[in-house]
Protein backbone atom coordinates (compact mmCIF):
# COMPACT_ATOMS: atom_id res chain seq x y z
CA MET A 1 51.87 64.25 107.99
CA ARG A 2 51.45 67.55 106.10
CA ILE A 3 55.15 67.53 105.15
CA GLU A 4 55.00 64.05 103.63
CA ARG A 5 51.87 64.99 101.66
CA LEU A 6 53.48 68.16 100.30
CA VAL A 7 56.64 66.35 99.23
CA ALA A 8 54.58 63.58 97.61
CA ALA A 9 52.42 66.14 95.76
CA CYS A 10 55.47 68.02 94.43
CA ALA A 11 57.12 64.79 93.32
CA LEU A 12 53.90 63.73 91.59
CA MET A 13 53.74 67.03 89.69
CA VAL A 14 57.30 66.48 88.48
CA ALA A 15 56.52 62.91 87.40
CA LEU A 16 53.25 63.80 85.64
CA ALA A 17 54.57 66.81 83.72
CA PRO A 18 53.74 66.39 80.01
CA SER A 19 56.61 64.67 78.26
CA ALA A 20 56.19 66.86 75.17
CA ALA A 21 56.86 69.98 77.22
CA PHE A 22 60.07 68.56 78.69
CA ALA A 23 62.37 67.64 75.84
CA ASP A 24 65.54 67.80 77.89
CA GLY A 25 65.54 65.30 80.78
CA TYR A 26 68.58 64.60 82.95
CA VAL A 27 69.92 62.64 85.92
CA VAL A 28 72.79 63.92 88.10
CA PRO A 29 74.46 61.66 90.70
CA PHE A 30 76.58 63.97 92.87
CA VAL A 31 78.99 64.19 95.81
CA GLY A 32 79.65 67.26 97.89
CA VAL A 33 80.14 68.83 101.30
CA ASN A 34 77.89 70.71 103.72
CA PHE A 35 79.13 73.97 105.21
CA GLY A 36 78.08 77.03 107.21
CA GLY A 37 74.97 77.36 109.36
CA ASP A 38 74.47 74.42 111.71
CA VAL A 39 77.43 72.57 110.23
CA GLY A 40 79.67 75.11 111.94
CA THR A 41 82.41 74.73 109.33
CA PRO A 42 83.30 77.13 106.49
CA LEU A 43 83.42 75.80 102.94
CA GLY A 44 87.22 75.79 102.71
CA VAL A 45 87.55 73.55 105.79
CA ALA A 46 84.61 71.31 104.84
CA ILE A 47 86.15 70.50 101.44
CA GLY A 48 89.20 69.01 103.17
CA ASP A 49 87.15 66.79 105.52
CA ARG A 50 86.11 63.71 103.54
CA SER A 51 84.38 62.17 106.56
CA ARG A 52 81.70 64.89 106.30
CA ALA A 53 80.81 64.20 102.66
CA THR A 54 77.27 64.27 101.32
CA TRP A 55 75.91 62.48 98.26
CA GLY A 56 72.71 62.10 96.31
CA VAL A 57 70.98 62.42 92.95
CA GLY A 58 69.03 65.05 91.05
CA ILE A 59 66.36 64.04 88.51
CA GLY A 60 64.96 66.78 86.30
CA ALA A 61 63.75 68.04 82.97
CA MET A 62 63.86 71.35 81.14
CA GLY A 63 60.99 72.65 79.02
CA GLY A 64 61.85 74.82 76.06
CA GLY A 65 65.43 74.86 77.30
CA VAL A 66 64.73 77.55 79.92
CA PHE A 67 62.16 76.45 82.53
CA GLY A 68 62.26 73.12 84.29
CA VAL A 69 61.72 71.04 87.40
CA GLU A 70 64.04 68.90 89.49
CA LEU A 71 63.73 66.49 92.40
CA ASP A 72 66.86 66.54 94.58
CA LEU A 73 67.63 63.75 97.07
CA GLY A 74 70.60 64.36 99.35
CA TYR A 75 72.01 62.35 102.27
CA THR A 76 74.76 63.09 104.79
CA TRP A 77 75.89 60.24 107.01
CA LYS A 78 77.85 62.40 109.48
CA PHE A 79 76.43 65.91 109.66
CA PHE A 80 77.16 67.45 113.06
CA THR A 81 80.52 68.22 114.65
CA ASP A 82 82.32 65.58 116.70
CA THR A 83 81.74 65.55 120.45
CA ASN A 84 83.07 63.60 123.42
CA LEU A 85 79.78 61.66 123.56
CA VAL A 86 79.08 58.36 121.81
CA VAL A 87 77.16 59.31 118.68
CA THR A 88 75.29 56.27 117.36
CA LYS A 89 73.56 58.07 114.50
CA ASN A 90 74.07 61.49 113.05
CA ASN A 91 72.52 61.99 109.61
CA VAL A 92 70.46 64.41 107.53
CA LEU A 93 68.23 63.61 104.56
CA THR A 94 66.81 66.23 102.18
CA VAL A 95 64.06 65.64 99.60
CA MET A 96 63.52 68.84 97.60
CA PRO A 97 61.37 69.31 94.50
CA ALA A 98 62.34 72.61 92.85
CA LEU A 99 61.65 74.89 89.92
CA VAL A 100 64.68 75.56 87.68
CA LEU A 101 65.47 78.54 85.45
CA GLY A 102 68.44 78.02 83.14
CA VAL A 103 69.46 79.37 79.73
CA PRO A 104 71.30 76.95 77.40
CA VAL A 105 74.33 78.61 75.80
CA GLY A 106 75.12 76.72 72.62
CA GLY A 107 71.68 75.07 72.31
CA GLN A 108 69.96 72.10 73.87
CA ARG A 109 72.05 69.50 72.07
CA GLY A 110 75.77 68.92 71.66
CA VAL A 111 78.51 70.84 73.44
CA GLY A 112 77.32 73.75 75.55
CA VAL A 113 76.77 75.19 79.00
CA ARG A 114 73.65 76.04 80.99
CA PRO A 115 73.94 78.36 84.00
CA TYR A 116 70.86 78.06 86.20
CA VAL A 117 69.13 79.08 89.43
CA LEU A 118 66.53 77.12 91.37
CA ALA A 119 64.17 77.31 94.31
CA GLY A 120 61.98 74.70 95.95
CA ALA A 121 60.47 73.32 99.14
CA GLY A 122 60.33 69.85 100.65
CA LEU A 123 61.54 67.64 103.49
CA ILE A 124 64.53 68.02 105.81
CA ARG A 125 64.91 65.01 108.12
CA ARG A 126 67.42 64.77 110.98
CA ASP A 127 68.30 61.64 112.96
CA VAL A 128 70.63 61.94 115.93
CA GLY A 129 71.34 59.43 118.68
CA LEU A 130 73.71 59.64 121.66
CA ALA A 131 74.45 56.15 122.96
CA ASN A 132 71.28 54.92 124.70
CA LEU A 133 70.64 58.28 126.36
CA VAL A 134 68.95 60.51 123.79
CA SER A 135 67.44 59.88 120.39
CA PHE A 136 66.13 62.70 118.24
CA SER A 137 64.40 62.47 114.86
CA GLN A 138 62.59 65.34 113.24
CA ASN A 139 60.88 65.91 109.89
CA ASP A 140 60.72 69.59 108.92
CA LEU A 141 59.22 71.43 106.01
CA GLY A 142 62.09 73.40 104.52
CA TYR A 143 63.18 75.22 101.42
CA THR A 144 66.21 75.43 99.16
CA ILE A 145 67.62 78.09 96.87
CA GLY A 146 70.75 77.86 94.78
CA GLY A 147 72.37 77.75 91.41
CA GLY A 148 75.18 76.36 89.35
CA VAL A 149 76.41 75.49 85.89
CA MET A 150 75.80 72.43 83.71
CA GLY A 151 78.52 71.82 81.14
CA PHE A 152 77.84 69.36 78.32
CA LEU A 153 80.55 67.53 76.37
CA GLY A 154 78.05 66.12 73.86
CA ASP A 155 74.39 65.24 73.49
CA HIS A 156 74.19 62.97 76.52
CA PHE A 157 77.02 63.59 78.98
CA GLY A 158 78.43 66.46 81.00
CA VAL A 159 79.36 67.73 84.45
CA ARG A 160 77.58 69.98 86.93
CA GLY A 161 78.74 72.18 89.80
CA GLU A 162 76.22 73.61 92.25
CA VAL A 163 75.82 75.50 95.52
CA ARG A 164 72.56 75.36 97.51
CA TYR A 165 71.22 76.74 100.76
CA PHE A 166 68.78 74.72 102.91
CA ARG A 167 66.64 76.02 105.77
CA ASN A 168 63.59 74.83 107.68
CA PHE A 169 60.56 77.09 108.05
CA GLN A 170 60.23 76.97 111.83
CA GLY A 171 62.54 76.69 114.82
CA ASP A 172 63.45 73.53 116.73
CA GLU A 173 61.67 72.60 119.92
CA LEU A 174 64.55 70.63 121.48
CA ASP A 175 68.22 71.03 122.36
CA ILE A 176 70.62 68.10 122.52
CA ILE A 177 73.48 68.89 124.88
CA GLY A 178 76.89 68.33 123.35
CA LEU A 179 75.89 68.66 119.69
CA ASN A 180 75.60 72.45 119.48
CA PHE A 181 71.92 71.84 118.73
CA GLU A 182 70.58 75.28 119.57
CA THR A 183 66.95 76.25 119.36
CA GLY A 184 66.17 78.22 116.22
CA THR A 185 66.04 77.62 112.53
CA PHE A 186 68.10 74.73 111.14
CA ASN A 187 70.14 75.74 108.07
CA PHE A 188 73.24 74.90 106.06
CA GLY A 189 74.85 75.23 102.64
CA ARG A 190 75.86 72.46 100.24
CA ALA A 191 78.48 72.56 97.49
CA SER A 192 78.43 69.61 95.09
CA ALA A 193 79.74 68.32 91.78
CA GLY A 194 78.45 65.47 89.66
CA ALA A 195 78.17 63.82 86.28
CA ILE A 196 75.07 64.75 84.29
CA PHE A 197 73.36 62.32 81.93
CA ARG A 198 71.00 64.00 79.48
CA PHE A 199 68.29 62.24 77.47
C-alpha cells in the first residue's frame, strides 16, 4: 500500500507543477530492450532479440530549460529467459516519476539537442506464472537512474535515445525454480529510442 501511495504522490506532484514554471512539455512514446542484471542477457544480444522488446511512454516538462520532471511508464511482455516449463505470464511493469537535469544546446525552440541525466523512484511490478503450478506477483518500491540525448528537428518534433538502470530497494522473498529467480535485489538495464513531441 505504501508503494502505491508514493507513486501516486509523485505523479500528483508532476501533474500539479505550475504551468508557468514548465514552458517546455513533452511526450515520448518509445521502444527498447532490457539487458543485464536479472535479464541475464548483454545489450548486444538483447538488441537482436525482438521477442524481448519493451515499450512505453515518458511524459515530462522542463523548467527554465534545465530542470524538469518526467513520469516514465514501461512494460515488457516477456522479461525472463525461456525455460522448459509452460510460462503463462512473464511481464514487468515500471512506473517511475523522476527528476531531470538537461541543458538545451541551441535553445529551447527550433533545432537543437539536450543531453540529460535523471533519477527517480516508483513502482516495479512483476507477474510470473508457470502453468497452473506457481503464480508470483510482486509490487516493489524501486529506483531508476539514467541519461540520454533529446535531438529536436524543429519546435515540436525530435528523437530521443536513452539508457536507464532499474533496481528494487529490498531483496525478494521467493524463488521460482526454472526461471533463475534468485533471492536478492531485482535489477536490469533498459536501452530505448523514441519520437519526442514537444509543446
